[in-house]
Amino acid sequence: MTLARQNALACRMKPYIRLLKRRVIMQISEWRKVVGEMVRDHMRSPQMEHYFSVKMNQQRAQLMITQLGLYIRHRRDCWALVSANCPVMAVKQAILRHEFGEVIKDQYSEYGHLHLIIRQAEKLGLSADEVIETKPIASTTATLYAWAWLTHAKSWIEGLSALTVTEWTNDDRLLNDAGGGHSTRMGKRWTEDMGLQWRDMPNFAAHAEADEEHSDMFLPFLSEYATGEKEQLALTAVKESLDLFALYREGVAKAMEEIPLK
């Protein structure tokens, strides 16, 4: 085949090559569907059903909210690790936007989201110092260590996938037919069992809304960068992170059940 014919054939093949590439790369809508189904399976797991079934009182709610405070603070370390591992400036910028709202201020708090935890804990009779100085239960320690390792030792794509999916568990759009995301379902539980109003649960109220935006925030980067072999790495990281979340919630559920329900 002459060079001219080779060039002509290559030109004719370009549209088909582009089409093939488009077909093997998951688009944003496909990522949303696949990850969404993984989250729905997670929320139907025995561990999560157990967690949502536990009756609440003030002491049990205190344990839950203080462990959640540890979890939220630890997220800040994990997002920093993902950013440090990532060479893509657009991803770093998105992480900074995400973390500005979590750490500095957004429409839900002028002092960051840890302040939402403190305000909600105050409705349960806890002080800010008691929230900050609380000790993790064993399952919280283990799962936070695991997330730290995952976001430090694995690739930034795996770390990003592992972190962003945890916010999907608050997405009422995805989980409406199951009673809502975590914050909505747990807010209803607190109202039914303790008579608290949504204004008394600012952390739940905020994350029922904020995490819908956060669920969408990093999907374009997964579609663009989690391709080829990296696609499966990202999905495995999603599964591992959801498994860790189930362990974390199960540990909280068991610890709450050790507190007498008066």
C-alpha atoms as a PDB file:
ATOM      1  CA  MET A   1       0.000   0.000   0.000  1.00  0.00           C
ATOM      2  CA  THR A   2       1.383   3.354  -1.001  1.00  0.00           C
ATOM      3  CA  LEU A   3       1.911   6.116   1.514  1.00  0.00           C
ATOM      4  CA  ALA A   4      -0.839   8.156  -0.124  1.00  0.00           C
ATOM      5  CA  ARG A   5      -3.350   5.310   0.241  1.00  0.00           C
ATOM      6  CA  GLN A   6      -2.290   4.775   3.859  1.00  0.00           C
ATOM      7  CA  ASN A   7      -2.905   8.444   4.594  1.00  0.00           C
ATOM      8  CA  ALA A   8      -6.278   8.338   2.853  1.00  0.00           C
ATOM      9  CA  LEU A   9      -7.318   5.250   4.830  1.00  0.00           C
ATOM     10  CA  ALA A  10      -6.204   6.864   8.072  1.00  0.00           C
ATOM     11  CA  CYS A  11      -8.312   9.925   7.316  1.00  0.00           C
ATOM     12  CA  ARG A  12     -11.378   7.775   6.613  1.00  0.00           C
ATOM     13  CA  MET A  13     -10.834   5.827   9.850  1.00  0.00           C
ATOM     14  CA  LYS A  14     -10.578   8.872  12.113  1.00  0.00           C
ATOM     15  CA  PRO A  15     -14.348   9.290  12.676  1.00  0.00           C
ATOM     16  CA  TYR A  16     -14.694   5.607  13.568  1.00  0.00           C
ATOM     17  CA  ILE A  17     -11.739   5.757  15.932  1.00  0.00           C
ATOM     18  CA  ARG A  18     -13.248   8.788  17.648  1.00  0.00           C
ATOM     19  CA  LEU A  19     -16.598   6.976  17.908  1.00  0.00           C
ATOM     20  CA  LEU A  20     -14.919   3.897  19.391  1.00  0.00           C
ATOM     21  CA  LYS A  21     -13.142   6.021  21.955  1.00  0.00           C
ATOM     22  CA  ARG A  22     -16.398   7.718  22.913  1.00  0.00           C
ATOM     23  CA  ARG A  23     -18.125   4.368  23.312  1.00  0.00           C
ATOM     24  CA  VAL A  24     -15.548   2.880  25.674  1.00  0.00           C
ATOM     25  CA  ILE A  25     -15.392   5.954  27.926  1.00  0.00           C
ATOM     26  CA  MET A  26     -18.195   6.197  30.473  1.00  0.00           C
ATOM     27  CA  GLN A  27     -20.029   9.475  30.165  1.00  0.00           C
ATOM     28  CA  ILE A  28     -21.168  11.532  33.163  1.00  0.00           C
ATOM     29  CA  SER A  29     -24.683  10.099  32.967  1.00  0.00           C
ATOM     30  CA  GLU A  30     -23.283   6.567  33.008  1.00  0.00           C
ATOM     31  CA  TRP A  31     -21.096   7.303  36.020  1.00  0.00           C
ATOM     32  CA  ARG A  32     -24.121   8.749  37.794  1.00  0.00           C
ATOM     33  CA  LYS A  33     -26.143   5.617  37.084  1.00  0.00           C
ATOM     34  CA  VAL A  34     -23.450   3.083  38.011  1.00  0.00           C
ATOM     35  CA  VAL A  35     -22.290   4.812  41.190  1.00  0.00           C
ATOM     36  CA  GLY A  36     -25.887   5.625  42.088  1.00  0.00           C
ATOM     37  CA  GLU A  37     -26.836   1.946  42.026  1.00  0.00           C
ATOM     38  CA  MET A  38     -23.838   1.119  44.214  1.00  0.00           C
ATOM     39  CA  VAL A  39     -24.992   3.731  46.734  1.00  0.00           C
ATOM     40  CA  ARG A  40     -28.545   2.404  46.668  1.00  0.00           C
ATOM     41  CA  ASP A  41     -27.252  -1.111  47.343  1.00  0.00           C
ATOM     42  CA  HIS A  42     -25.178   0.240  50.227  1.00  0.00           C
ATOM     43  CA  MET A  43     -28.166   1.989  51.789  1.00  0.00           C
ATOM     44  CA  ARG A  44     -30.126  -1.291  51.615  1.00  0.00           C
ATOM     45  CA  SER A  45     -27.335  -3.273  53.281  1.00  0.00           C
ATOM     46  CA  PRO A  46     -27.962  -5.101  56.587  1.00  0.00           C
ATOM     47  CA  GLN A  47     -25.559  -2.747  58.370  1.00  0.00           C
ATOM     48  CA  MET A  48     -27.437   0.347  57.239  1.00  0.00           C
ATOM     49  CA  GLU A  49     -30.836  -1.169  57.974  1.00  0.00           C
ATOM     50  CA  HIS A  50     -29.586  -1.940  61.479  1.00  0.00           C
ATOM     51  CA  TYR A  51     -28.223   1.583  61.864  1.00  0.00           C
ATOM     52  CA  PHE A  52     -31.502   3.244  60.882  1.00  0.00           C
ATOM     53  CA  SER A  53     -33.533   0.892  63.087  1.00  0.00           C
ATOM     54  CA  VAL A  54     -31.890   1.925  66.368  1.00  0.00           C
ATOM     55  CA  LYS A  55     -34.224   3.947  68.585  1.00  0.00           C
ATOM     56  CA  MET A  56     -32.823   7.281  69.727  1.00  0.00           C
ATOM     57  CA  ASN A  57     -32.595   9.086  73.030  1.00  0.00           C
ATOM     58  CA  GLN A  58     -30.418  11.988  74.124  1.00  0.00           C
ATOM     59  CA  GLN A  59     -27.410   9.891  75.143  1.00  0.00           C
ATOM     60  CA  ARG A  60     -27.471   7.802  71.981  1.00  0.00           C
ATOM     61  CA  ALA A  61     -27.789  10.920  69.850  1.00  0.00           C
ATOM     62  CA  GLN A  62     -24.835  12.450  71.692  1.00  0.00           C
ATOM     63  CA  LEU A  63     -22.694   9.476  70.727  1.00  0.00           C
ATOM     64  CA  MET A  64     -23.819   9.645  67.115  1.00  0.00           C
ATOM     65  CA  ILE A  65     -23.211  13.372  66.682  1.00  0.00           C
ATOM     66  CA  THR A  66     -19.791  13.377  68.352  1.00  0.00           C
ATOM     67  CA  GLN A  67     -18.584  10.438  66.237  1.00  0.00           C
ATOM     68  CA  LEU A  68     -19.930  12.267  63.188  1.00  0.00           C
ATOM     69  CA  GLY A  69     -17.912  15.302  64.250  1.00  0.00           C
ATOM     70  CA  LEU A  70     -14.751  13.177  64.202  1.00  0.00           C
ATOM     71  CA  TYR A  71     -15.682  11.851  60.785  1.00  0.00           C
ATOM     72  CA  ILE A  72     -16.279  15.336  59.375  1.00  0.00           C
ATOM     73  CA  ARG A  73     -12.985  16.659  60.727  1.00  0.00           C
ATOM     74  CA  HIS A  74     -11.152  13.661  59.270  1.00  0.00           C
ATOM     75  CA  ARG A  75     -12.624  14.371  55.827  1.00  0.00           C
ATOM     76  CA  ARG A  76     -10.566  17.544  55.734  1.00  0.00           C
ATOM     77  CA  ASP A  77      -7.336  15.551  56.035  1.00  0.00           C
ATOM     78  CA  CYS A  78      -8.472  13.093  53.380  1.00  0.00           C
ATOM     79  CA  TRP A  79      -9.402  15.750  50.828  1.00  0.00           C
ATOM     80  CA  ALA A  80      -6.020  17.397  51.397  1.00  0.00           C
ATOM     81  CA  LEU A  81      -4.307  14.074  50.672  1.00  0.00           C
ATOM     82  CA  VAL A  82      -6.218  13.645  47.411  1.00  0.00           C
ATOM     83  CA  SER A  83      -5.286  17.168  46.351  1.00  0.00           C
ATOM     84  CA  ALA A  84      -1.631  16.541  47.189  1.00  0.00           C
ATOM     85  CA  ASN A  85      -1.627  13.393  45.028  1.00  0.00           C
ATOM     86  CA  CYS A  86      -3.393  15.037  42.094  1.00  0.00           C
ATOM     87  CA  PRO A  87      -1.457  16.877  39.343  1.00  0.00           C
ATOM     88  CA  VAL A  88      -4.590  18.264  37.641  1.00  0.00           C
ATOM     89  CA  MET A  89      -5.115  21.913  38.537  1.00  0.00           C
ATOM     90  CA  ALA A  90      -8.843  21.866  37.730  1.00  0.00           C
ATOM     91  CA  VAL A  91      -9.358  19.046  40.229  1.00  0.00           C
ATOM     92  CA  LYS A  92      -7.351  20.893  42.879  1.00  0.00           C
ATOM     93  CA  GLN A  93      -9.511  23.971  42.298  1.00  0.00           C
ATOM     94  CA  ALA A  94     -12.712  21.933  42.662  1.00  0.00           C
ATOM     95  CA  ILE A  95     -11.435  20.427  45.911  1.00  0.00           C
ATOM     96  CA  LEU A  96     -10.640  23.901  47.223  1.00  0.00           C
ATOM     97  CA  ARG A  97     -14.159  25.094  46.348  1.00  0.00           C
ATOM     98  CA  HIS A  98     -15.591  22.068  48.108  1.00  0.00           C
ATOM     99  CA  GLU A  99     -13.425  22.575  51.166  1.00  0.00           C
ATOM    100  CA  PHE A 100     -14.036  26.313  51.391  1.00  0.00           C
ATOM    101  CA  GLY A 101     -17.686  25.598  52.114  1.00  0.00           C
ATOM    102  CA  GLU A 102     -16.861  22.792  54.512  1.00  0.00           C
ATOM    103  CA  VAL A 103     -14.143  24.616  56.455  1.00  0.00           C
ATOM    104  CA  ILE A 104     -14.659  28.379  56.028  1.00  0.00           C
ATOM    105  CA  LYS A 105     -18.254  29.296  55.201  1.00  0.00           C
ATOM    106  CA  ASP A 106     -21.163  28.745  52.837  1.00  0.00           C
ATOM    107  CA  GLN A 107     -24.889  29.445  52.770  1.00  0.00           C
ATOM    108  CA  TYR A 108     -25.426  27.003  55.637  1.00  0.00           C
ATOM    109  CA  SER A 109     -22.855  28.342  58.092  1.00  0.00           C
ATOM    110  CA  GLU A 110     -20.581  31.345  58.461  1.00  0.00           C
ATOM    111  CA  TYR A 111     -18.055  29.169  60.298  1.00  0.00           C
ATOM    112  CA  GLY A 112     -17.830  25.922  58.352  1.00  0.00           C
ATOM    113  CA  HIS A 113     -19.693  22.661  58.723  1.00  0.00           C
ATOM    114  CA  LEU A 114     -18.074  21.587  61.977  1.00  0.00           C
ATOM    115  CA  HIS A 115     -19.976  24.496  63.495  1.00  0.00           C
ATOM    116  CA  LEU A 116     -23.193  22.822  62.312  1.00  0.00           C
ATOM    117  CA  ILE A 117     -22.222  19.723  64.289  1.00  0.00           C
ATOM    118  CA  ILE A 118     -21.512  21.830  67.373  1.00  0.00           C
ATOM    119  CA  ARG A 119     -24.847  23.652  67.093  1.00  0.00           C
ATOM    120  CA  GLN A 120     -26.719  20.381  66.729  1.00  0.00           C
ATOM    121  CA  ALA A 121     -24.808  18.861  69.653  1.00  0.00           C
ATOM    122  CA  GLU A 122     -25.710  21.842  71.825  1.00  0.00           C
ATOM    123  CA  LYS A 123     -29.385  20.913  71.376  1.00  0.00           C
ATOM    124  CA  LEU A 124     -28.446  17.605  73.012  1.00  0.00           C
ATOM    125  CA  GLY A 125     -26.792  19.247  76.005  1.00  0.00           C
ATOM    126  CA  LEU A 126     -23.181  19.055  74.818  1.00  0.00           C
ATOM    127  CA  SER A 127     -20.662  21.898  74.791  1.00  0.00           C
ATOM    128  CA  ALA A 128     -18.334  22.760  71.923  1.00  0.00           C
ATOM    129  CA  ASP A 129     -15.383  21.461  73.944  1.00  0.00           C
ATOM    130  CA  GLU A 130     -17.120  18.127  74.472  1.00  0.00           C
ATOM    131  CA  VAL A 131     -17.598  17.792  70.723  1.00  0.00           C
ATOM    132  CA  ILE A 132     -14.005  18.718  69.908  1.00  0.00           C
ATOM    133  CA  GLU A 133     -12.450  16.570  72.623  1.00  0.00           C
ATOM    134  CA  THR A 134     -14.560  13.448  72.102  1.00  0.00           C
ATOM    135  CA  LYS A 135     -12.746  10.136  71.676  1.00  0.00           C
ATOM    136  CA  PRO A 136     -13.456   7.772  68.789  1.00  0.00           C
ATOM    137  CA  ILE A 137     -14.974   4.379  69.414  1.00  0.00           C
ATOM    138  CA  ALA A 138     -12.904   1.479  68.047  1.00  0.00           C
ATOM    139  CA  SER A 139     -14.813   1.140  64.775  1.00  0.00           C
ATOM    140  CA  THR A 140     -14.504   4.864  64.103  1.00  0.00           C
ATOM    141  CA  THR A 141     -10.747   4.710  64.675  1.00  0.00           C
ATOM    142  CA  ALA A 142     -10.373   1.743  62.323  1.00  0.00           C
ATOM    143  CA  THR A 143     -12.424   3.215  59.488  1.00  0.00           C
ATOM    144  CA  LEU A 144     -10.833   6.660  59.700  1.00  0.00           C
ATOM    145  CA  TYR A 145      -7.389   5.051  59.530  1.00  0.00           C
ATOM    146  CA  ALA A 146      -8.535   3.080  56.476  1.00  0.00           C
ATOM    147  CA  TRP A 147      -9.822   6.180  54.662  1.00  0.00           C
ATOM    148  CA  ALA A 148      -6.582   7.980  55.467  1.00  0.00           C
ATOM    149  CA  TRP A 149      -4.546   5.136  53.977  1.00  0.00           C
ATOM    150  CA  LEU A 150      -6.789   4.900  50.916  1.00  0.00           C
ATOM    151  CA  THR A 151      -6.487   8.597  50.113  1.00  0.00           C
ATOM    152  CA  HIS A 152      -2.749   8.719  50.850  1.00  0.00           C
ATOM    153  CA  ALA A 153      -1.406   5.481  49.378  1.00  0.00           C
ATOM    154  CA  LYS A 154      -3.671   4.997  46.374  1.00  0.00           C
ATOM    155  CA  SER A 155      -3.971   7.134  43.257  1.00  0.00           C
ATOM    156  CA  TRP A 156      -5.779  10.443  43.335  1.00  0.00           C
ATOM    157  CA  ILE A 157      -8.515   8.991  41.122  1.00  0.00           C
ATOM    158  CA  GLU A 158      -9.144   6.241  43.668  1.00  0.00           C
ATOM    159  CA  GLY A 159      -9.028   8.707  46.541  1.00  0.00           C
ATOM    160  CA  LEU A 160     -11.396  11.104  44.801  1.00  0.00           C
ATOM    161  CA  SER A 161     -13.824   8.290  44.036  1.00  0.00           C
ATOM    162  CA  ALA A 162     -13.724   7.039  47.616  1.00  0.00           C
ATOM    163  CA  LEU A 163     -14.430  10.456  49.116  1.00  0.00           C
ATOM    164  CA  THR A 164     -17.056  11.798  46.759  1.00  0.00           C
ATOM    165  CA  VAL A 165     -19.252   8.698  47.032  1.00  0.00           C
ATOM    166  CA  THR A 166     -19.749   9.139  50.771  1.00  0.00           C
ATOM    167  CA  GLU A 167     -21.617  12.369  50.040  1.00  0.00           C
ATOM    168  CA  TRP A 168     -23.952  10.529  47.681  1.00  0.00           C
ATOM    169  CA  THR A 169     -25.453   8.788  50.719  1.00  0.00           C
ATOM    170  CA  ASN A 170     -27.096  12.122  51.592  1.00  0.00           C
ATOM    171  CA  ASP A 171     -28.617  12.651  48.138  1.00  0.00           C
ATOM    172  CA  ASP A 172     -32.413  12.675  48.463  1.00  0.00           C
ATOM    173  CA  ARG A 173     -32.795  12.730  44.674  1.00  0.00           C
ATOM    174  CA  LEU A 174     -31.129   9.336  44.460  1.00  0.00           C
ATOM    175  CA  LEU A 175     -32.692   7.835  47.573  1.00  0.00           C
ATOM    176  CA  ASN A 176     -36.133   9.441  47.730  1.00  0.00           C
ATOM    177  CA  ASP A 177     -38.004   6.153  47.269  1.00  0.00           C
ATOM    178  CA  ALA A 178     -36.013   4.666  50.173  1.00  0.00           C
ATOM    179  CA  GLY A 179     -37.022   7.410  52.590  1.00  0.00           C
ATOM    180  CA  GLY A 180     -34.279   9.845  51.629  1.00  0.00           C
ATOM    181  CA  GLY A 181     -30.560  10.100  52.191  1.00  0.00           C
ATOM    182  CA  HIS A 182     -28.845   9.680  55.527  1.00  0.00           C
ATOM    183  CA  SER A 183     -29.475  13.183  56.851  1.00  0.00           C
ATOM    184  CA  THR A 184     -33.153  13.131  55.903  1.00  0.00           C
ATOM    185  CA  ARG A 185     -33.797   9.666  57.326  1.00  0.00           C
ATOM    186  CA  MET A 186     -31.882  10.303  60.524  1.00  0.00           C
ATOM    187  CA  GLY A 187     -33.541  13.693  60.941  1.00  0.00           C
ATOM    188  CA  LYS A 188     -36.923  11.967  60.787  1.00  0.00           C
ATOM    189  CA  ARG A 189     -35.729   9.448  63.374  1.00  0.00           C
ATOM    190  CA  TRP A 190     -34.626  12.207  65.753  1.00  0.00           C
ATOM    191  CA  THR A 191     -37.967  13.956  65.303  1.00  0.00           C
ATOM    192  CA  GLU A 192     -39.978  10.788  65.934  1.00  0.00           C
ATOM    193  CA  ASP A 193     -37.945   9.572  68.910  1.00  0.00           C
ATOM    194  CA  MET A 194     -36.877  12.818  70.597  1.00  0.00           C
ATOM    195  CA  GLY A 195     -39.283  15.449  69.290  1.00  0.00           C
ATOM    196  CA  LEU A 196     -36.556  17.639  67.779  1.00  0.00           C
ATOM    197  CA  GLN A 197     -37.439  20.002  64.938  1.00  0.00           C
ATOM    198  CA  TRP A 198     -35.362  20.525  61.799  1.00  0.00           C
ATOM    199  CA  ARG A 199     -34.196  23.881  63.142  1.00  0.00           C
ATOM    200  CA  ASP A 200     -32.621  21.917  66.002  1.00  0.00           C
ATOM    201  CA  MET A 201     -30.668  19.735  63.556  1.00  0.00           C
ATOM    202  CA  PRO A 202     -28.682  22.179  61.405  1.00  0.00           C
ATOM    203  CA  ASN A 203     -26.122  19.606  60.308  1.00  0.00           C
ATOM    204  CA  PHE A 204     -28.759  17.212  58.999  1.00  0.00           C
ATOM    205  CA  ALA A 205     -30.719  20.042  57.391  1.00  0.00           C
ATOM    206  CA  ALA A 206     -27.657  21.440  55.618  1.00  0.00           C
ATOM    207  CA  HIS A 207     -26.296  18.152  54.316  1.00  0.00           C
ATOM    208  CA  ALA A 208     -29.644  17.007  53.000  1.00  0.00           C
ATOM    209  CA  GLU A 209     -29.192  19.873  50.507  1.00  0.00           C
ATOM    210  CA  ALA A 210     -25.453  20.543  50.235  1.00  0.00           C
ATOM    211  CA  ASP A 211     -24.494  16.983  49.378  1.00  0.00           C
ATOM    212  CA  GLU A 212     -26.755  16.975  46.336  1.00  0.00           C
ATOM    213  CA  GLU A 213     -24.449  19.603  44.845  1.00  0.00           C
ATOM    214  CA  HIS A 214     -21.391  17.739  46.103  1.00  0.00           C
ATOM    215  CA  SER A 215     -22.636  14.516  44.499  1.00  0.00           C
ATOM    216  CA  ASP A 216     -22.457  16.183  41.083  1.00  0.00           C
ATOM    217  CA  MET A 217     -19.265  18.156  41.625  1.00  0.00           C
ATOM    218  CA  PHE A 218     -16.649  15.549  40.724  1.00  0.00           C
ATOM    219  CA  LEU A 219     -18.490  13.458  38.123  1.00  0.00           C
ATOM    220  CA  PRO A 220     -16.944  15.332  35.159  1.00  0.00           C
ATOM    221  CA  PHE A 221     -13.467  14.463  36.425  1.00  0.00           C
ATOM    222  CA  LEU A 222     -14.311  10.776  36.744  1.00  0.00           C
ATOM    223  CA  SER A 223     -15.632  10.789  33.186  1.00  0.00           C
ATOM    224  CA  GLU A 224     -12.510  12.528  31.901  1.00  0.00           C
ATOM    225  CA  TYR A 225      -9.746  10.828  33.882  1.00  0.00           C
ATOM    226  CA  ALA A 226     -11.073   7.477  35.171  1.00  0.00           C
ATOM    227  CA  THR A 227     -10.757   5.775  31.787  1.00  0.00           C
ATOM    228  CA  GLY A 228      -9.368   2.446  30.650  1.00  0.00           C
ATOM    229  CA  GLU A 229      -7.960   0.447  33.551  1.00  0.00           C
ATOM    230  CA  LYS A 230      -8.490   3.444  35.839  1.00  0.00           C
ATOM    231  CA  GLU A 231     -12.252   3.079  35.466  1.00  0.00           C
ATOM    232  CA  GLN A 232     -12.277  -0.197  37.396  1.00  0.00           C
ATOM    233  CA  LEU A 233      -9.853   1.200  39.968  1.00  0.00           C
ATOM    234  CA  ALA A 234     -12.275   4.055  40.601  1.00  0.00           C
ATOM    235  CA  LEU A 235     -15.273   1.742  40.929  1.00  0.00           C
ATOM    236  CA  THR A 236     -13.366  -0.550  43.279  1.00  0.00           C
ATOM    237  CA  ALA A 237     -12.489   2.467  45.426  1.00  0.00           C
ATOM    238  CA  VAL A 238     -16.169   3.445  45.504  1.00  0.00           C
ATOM    239  CA  LYS A 239     -17.090  -0.047  46.706  1.00  0.00           C
ATOM    240  CA  GLU A 240     -14.323  -0.095  49.328  1.00  0.00           C
ATOM    241  CA  SER A 241     -15.368   3.298  50.651  1.00  0.00           C
ATOM    242  CA  LEU A 242     -19.020   2.292  50.906  1.00  0.00           C
ATOM    243  CA  ASP A 243     -17.945  -0.855  52.757  1.00  0.00           C
ATOM    244  CA  LEU A 244     -15.987   1.319  55.182  1.00  0.00           C
ATOM    245  CA  PHE A 245     -19.018   3.558  55.632  1.00  0.00           C
ATOM    246  CA  ALA A 246     -21.136   0.516  56.466  1.00  0.00           C
ATOM    247  CA  LEU A 247     -18.566  -0.564  59.072  1.00  0.00           C
ATOM    248  CA  TYR A 248     -18.490   2.946  60.528  1.00  0.00           C
ATOM    249  CA  ARG A 249     -22.299   3.131  60.788  1.00  0.00           C
ATOM    250  CA  GLU A 250     -22.572  -0.399  62.175  1.00  0.00           C
ATOM    251  CA  GLY A 251     -20.042   0.473  64.865  1.00  0.00           C
ATOM    252  CA  VAL A 252     -22.047   3.541  65.844  1.00  0.00           C
ATOM    253  CA  ALA A 253     -25.275   1.502  65.883  1.00  0.00           C
ATOM    254  CA  LYS A 254     -23.809  -1.154  68.181  1.00  0.00           C
ATOM    255  CA  ALA A 255     -22.318   1.468  70.506  1.00  0.00           C
ATOM    256  CA  MET A 256     -25.667   3.263  70.732  1.00  0.00           C
ATOM    257  CA  GLU A 257     -27.437   0.022  71.585  1.00  0.00           C
ATOM    258  CA  GLU A 258     -25.138  -0.390  74.576  1.00  0.00           C
ATOM    259  CA  ILE A 259     -26.678   2.796  76.000  1.00  0.00           C
ATOM    260  CA  PRO A 260     -29.957   2.015  77.822  1.00  0.00           C
ATOM    261  CA  LEU A 261     -33.071   3.295  76.095  1.00  0.00           C
ATOM    262  CA  LYS A 262     -34.902   5.031  78.941  1.00  0.00           C
END
